[in-house]
N, C-alpha and C. Protein backbone atom coordinates (compact mmCIF):
# COMPACT_ATOMS: atom_id res chain seq x y z
N MET A 1 0.71 -0.84 0.03
CA MET A 1 -0.01 0.36 -0.19
C MET A 1 0.78 1.26 -0.04
N HIS A 2 0.40 2.46 -0.78
CA HIS A 2 1.06 3.57 -0.67
C HIS A 2 1.00 4.63 0.33
N TYR A 3 1.78 5.05 0.85
CA TYR A 3 1.46 5.78 1.80
C TYR A 3 1.88 7.29 1.58
N THR A 4 1.85 8.37 2.32
CA THR A 4 2.23 9.59 1.68
C THR A 4 1.79 10.71 3.21
N TYR A 5 2.72 11.03 3.80
CA TYR A 5 3.02 11.61 5.01
C TYR A 5 3.74 12.89 4.66
N ARG A 6 3.08 14.09 5.65
CA ARG A 6 3.67 15.75 5.50
C ARG A 6 3.87 15.34 6.68
N THR A 7 5.54 16.39 6.80
CA THR A 7 6.64 16.53 7.24
C THR A 7 5.64 17.37 8.44
N SER A 8 6.75 17.45 9.50
CA SER A 8 6.37 19.44 10.96
C SER A 8 7.61 18.65 11.23
N GLY A 9 7.93 20.52 11.35
CA GLY A 9 9.39 20.62 12.30
C GLY A 9 10.95 20.29 11.26
N VAL A 10 10.62 19.97 9.82
CA VAL A 10 11.64 19.27 9.38
C VAL A 10 12.25 20.01 8.45
N CYS A 11 13.16 20.31 7.16
CA CYS A 11 13.41 20.50 6.10
C CYS A 11 12.47 19.92 5.17
N SER A 12 12.46 18.68 4.99
CA SER A 12 11.94 17.52 3.98
C SER A 12 10.30 18.21 4.40
N SER A 13 9.47 18.66 3.07
CA SER A 13 7.61 18.66 3.95
C SER A 13 6.97 17.56 3.08
N GLU A 14 7.16 15.88 2.81
CA GLU A 14 6.43 15.59 2.49
C GLU A 14 7.17 14.18 2.28
N ILE A 15 6.85 12.92 3.13
CA ILE A 15 7.74 11.34 2.97
C ILE A 15 6.58 10.94 1.62
N ASN A 16 7.10 9.70 1.05
CA ASN A 16 6.07 9.01 0.27
C ASN A 16 6.76 8.11 0.63
N PHE A 17 5.87 6.89 0.32
CA PHE A 17 6.73 5.43 0.87
C PHE A 17 5.82 4.28 0.66
N ASP A 18 5.89 3.14 0.12
CA ASP A 18 5.37 1.57 -0.06
C ASP A 18 5.63 0.99 1.12
N ILE A 19 4.33 -0.48 1.82
CA ILE A 19 4.29 -0.91 2.50
C ILE A 19 4.03 -2.47 1.65
N GLU A 20 4.56 -3.23 1.59
CA GLU A 20 4.27 -4.57 1.20
C GLU A 20 4.70 -6.16 1.92
N ASP A 21 3.82 -6.72 1.94
CA ASP A 21 3.82 -7.78 2.78
C ASP A 21 4.62 -7.78 4.34
N GLY A 22 4.75 -6.32 5.07
CA GLY A 22 5.55 -5.37 6.25
C GLY A 22 7.05 -4.98 5.77
N LYS A 23 7.08 -4.48 4.35
CA LYS A 23 8.22 -4.20 3.99
C LYS A 23 8.40 -3.19 3.16
N LEU A 24 9.63 -1.98 3.81
CA LEU A 24 9.42 -1.19 3.27
C LEU A 24 9.71 -0.88 1.69
N HIS A 25 9.15 -0.16 1.06
CA HIS A 25 9.26 0.08 -0.71
C HIS A 25 9.41 1.76 -0.79
N ASN A 26 10.77 1.87 -1.64
CA ASN A 26 9.57 3.39 -2.80
C ASN A 26 9.91 4.43 -2.26
N ILE A 27 10.82 4.98 -0.89
CA ILE A 27 10.89 6.18 0.24
C ILE A 27 11.46 7.01 -0.73
N VAL A 28 10.46 7.96 -1.27
CA VAL A 28 11.09 9.33 -1.19
C VAL A 28 10.31 10.71 -0.17
N PHE A 29 11.65 11.33 -0.09
CA PHE A 29 11.60 12.16 0.45
C PHE A 29 10.99 13.81 -0.40
N THR A 30 10.15 14.41 -0.30
CA THR A 30 10.36 15.64 -1.10
C THR A 30 11.12 17.13 0.14
N ASN A 31 12.24 17.49 -0.22
CA ASN A 31 13.01 18.52 -0.34
C ASN A 31 13.75 18.19 0.48
N GLY A 32 14.76 18.89 1.79
CA GLY A 32 15.23 18.42 2.46
C GLY A 32 17.17 17.98 2.80
N CYS A 33 17.32 17.47 2.66
CA CYS A 33 19.13 16.86 2.61
C CYS A 33 19.00 16.08 1.48
N ASN A 34 19.60 16.28 0.43
CA ASN A 34 18.71 15.72 -0.62
C ASN A 34 19.80 14.37 -0.80
N GLY A 35 21.03 14.02 -0.83
CA GLY A 35 22.29 13.04 -0.33
C GLY A 35 21.78 11.99 0.95
N ASN A 36 21.75 12.92 1.65
CA ASN A 36 21.30 12.36 3.07
C ASN A 36 19.72 11.03 2.75
N LEU A 37 18.67 12.13 1.89
CA LEU A 37 17.50 11.35 2.52
C LEU A 37 17.49 10.54 1.56
N LYS A 38 18.26 10.20 0.55
CA LYS A 38 18.20 9.21 -0.69
C LYS A 38 19.02 8.13 -0.01
N SER A 39 19.74 8.29 0.55
CA SER A 39 20.55 7.25 1.15
C SER A 39 19.64 6.61 2.45
N ILE A 40 18.45 7.57 3.03
CA ILE A 40 17.46 6.42 4.09
C ILE A 40 16.53 5.73 3.54
N GLY A 41 16.17 6.13 2.22
CA GLY A 41 15.64 5.58 1.50
C GLY A 41 16.00 4.18 1.01
N LYS A 42 17.50 4.46 0.03
CA LYS A 42 18.34 3.14 -0.37
C LYS A 42 18.84 2.11 0.94
N LEU A 43 18.93 2.85 2.17
CA LEU A 43 19.64 1.56 3.11
C LEU A 43 17.99 1.18 3.58
N LEU A 44 17.05 1.33 3.68
CA LEU A 44 15.57 0.64 4.14
C LEU A 44 14.78 -0.22 2.98
N GLU A 45 15.34 0.45 2.31
CA GLU A 45 14.66 -0.29 0.35
C GLU A 45 14.35 -2.21 1.05
N GLY A 46 13.43 -2.72 1.25
CA GLY A 46 13.00 -3.98 1.52
C GLY A 46 13.47 -4.76 3.04
N MET A 47 13.58 -3.46 4.25
CA MET A 47 13.56 -3.80 5.26
C MET A 47 11.90 -3.97 5.95
N PRO A 48 12.00 -4.60 6.66
CA PRO A 48 10.88 -4.77 7.82
C PRO A 48 10.44 -3.36 8.09
N ALA A 49 9.04 -2.22 7.99
CA ALA A 49 8.56 -1.23 8.60
C ALA A 49 8.64 -1.36 10.50
N GLU A 50 8.88 -2.56 11.02
CA GLU A 50 8.65 -2.29 12.36
C GLU A 50 10.16 -2.10 12.21
N PHE A 51 11.76 -2.34 11.44
CA PHE A 51 12.85 -2.29 12.12
C PHE A 51 13.48 -0.43 12.22
N ALA A 52 12.71 -0.14 10.88
CA ALA A 52 13.02 1.05 10.57
C ALA A 52 12.02 2.05 11.44
N LEU A 53 10.90 1.52 11.78
CA LEU A 53 10.16 2.27 13.28
C LEU A 53 11.26 2.28 14.35
N GLU A 54 11.98 1.39 14.76
CA GLU A 54 12.50 0.60 16.30
C GLU A 54 14.31 1.81 16.09
N ARG A 55 14.68 2.03 15.03
CA ARG A 55 15.84 2.52 14.73
C ARG A 55 15.73 3.97 14.69
N LEU A 56 14.70 4.45 14.35
CA LEU A 56 14.89 5.66 13.55
C LEU A 56 14.17 6.78 14.48
N SER A 57 13.26 6.41 15.43
CA SER A 57 12.34 6.60 16.52
C SER A 57 13.34 7.99 17.51
N GLY A 58 12.92 8.93 17.41
CA GLY A 58 13.44 9.61 18.16
C GLY A 58 14.54 10.24 17.92
N ILE A 59 15.34 10.32 16.66
CA ILE A 59 16.16 10.63 16.62
C ILE A 59 16.17 12.20 16.03
N THR A 60 17.12 13.54 16.61
CA THR A 60 16.97 14.75 16.78
C THR A 60 17.66 14.96 15.44
N CYS A 61 17.36 16.46 15.10
CA CYS A 61 17.86 16.98 14.01
C CYS A 61 18.50 18.55 14.54
N GLY A 62 19.83 18.60 14.53
CA GLY A 62 20.66 19.70 15.75
C GLY A 62 19.80 20.21 16.90
N PHE A 63 19.27 21.39 16.91
CA PHE A 63 18.76 21.94 18.31
C PHE A 63 17.22 21.52 17.71
N LYS A 64 16.84 20.97 16.59
CA LYS A 64 15.25 20.07 16.27
C LYS A 64 15.03 19.55 17.35
N GLU A 65 13.99 19.31 17.67
CA GLU A 65 12.97 18.18 18.46
C GLU A 65 12.55 16.82 17.84
N THR A 66 13.01 16.62 15.92
CA THR A 66 12.57 15.81 15.35
C THR A 66 13.74 16.07 14.33
N SER A 67 13.35 15.21 13.33
CA SER A 67 14.38 14.59 12.24
C SER A 67 13.68 14.03 11.18
N CYS A 68 14.49 13.91 9.80
CA CYS A 68 13.34 13.57 8.60
C CYS A 68 13.60 11.94 9.04
N GLY A 69 14.35 11.73 9.69
CA GLY A 69 14.11 10.31 10.38
C GLY A 69 12.91 9.30 11.51
N ASP A 70 13.35 10.19 11.98
CA ASP A 70 12.10 10.29 13.25
C ASP A 70 10.75 10.70 12.19
N GLN A 71 10.71 11.39 11.75
CA GLN A 71 9.27 11.78 10.95
C GLN A 71 8.96 10.84 10.22
N LEU A 72 9.86 10.27 9.09
CA LEU A 72 9.56 9.01 8.52
C LEU A 72 8.88 7.74 9.47
N ALA A 73 9.72 7.70 10.72
CA ALA A 73 9.24 6.64 11.50
C ALA A 73 7.99 7.04 12.18
N LYS A 74 7.16 8.19 11.90
CA LYS A 74 6.27 8.61 12.74
C LYS A 74 5.12 7.77 11.44
N ALA A 75 5.87 8.06 10.48
CA ALA A 75 4.64 7.83 9.70
C ALA A 75 4.54 6.38 8.97
N ILE A 76 5.56 5.62 9.73
CA ILE A 76 5.60 4.14 9.93
C ILE A 76 4.36 3.96 10.46
N LYS A 77 4.85 4.81 11.53
CA LYS A 77 3.47 4.13 12.80
C LYS A 77 2.95 4.81 12.60
N ILE A 78 1.54 5.23 12.01
CA ILE A 78 0.51 5.02 11.26
C ILE A 78 -0.40 4.06 10.58
N ALA A 79 0.67 4.09 9.63
CA ALA A 79 0.92 3.44 8.79
C ALA A 79 0.89 1.55 8.63
N VAL A 80 1.31 1.17 10.18
CA VAL A 80 0.31 0.48 10.87
C VAL A 80 0.06 0.21 11.95
N GLY A 81 -0.89 1.68 11.98
CA GLY A 81 -1.77 1.22 13.14
C GLY A 81 -1.08 1.22 14.60
N LYS A 82 0.32 2.10 14.63
CA LYS A 82 0.51 1.52 16.59
C LYS A 82 0.55 2.74 16.83
């Protein structure tokens, strides 16, 4: 299933991703640190959604209370109904 999440408090404005059989696919961030966010997508491709949720939750960016990774974790949490 495809998901779109509007981020808050970070440089990226949106995250699009798919979850198929509990695994993440096609993670694409809109705006933000292009190279770093492409890397997150590549590293998590095919990984269990729960793995990403556990690893990315609570990561901050500089003085912000969240990060693009944390925002992805929030999106996954909504997508899997937690």
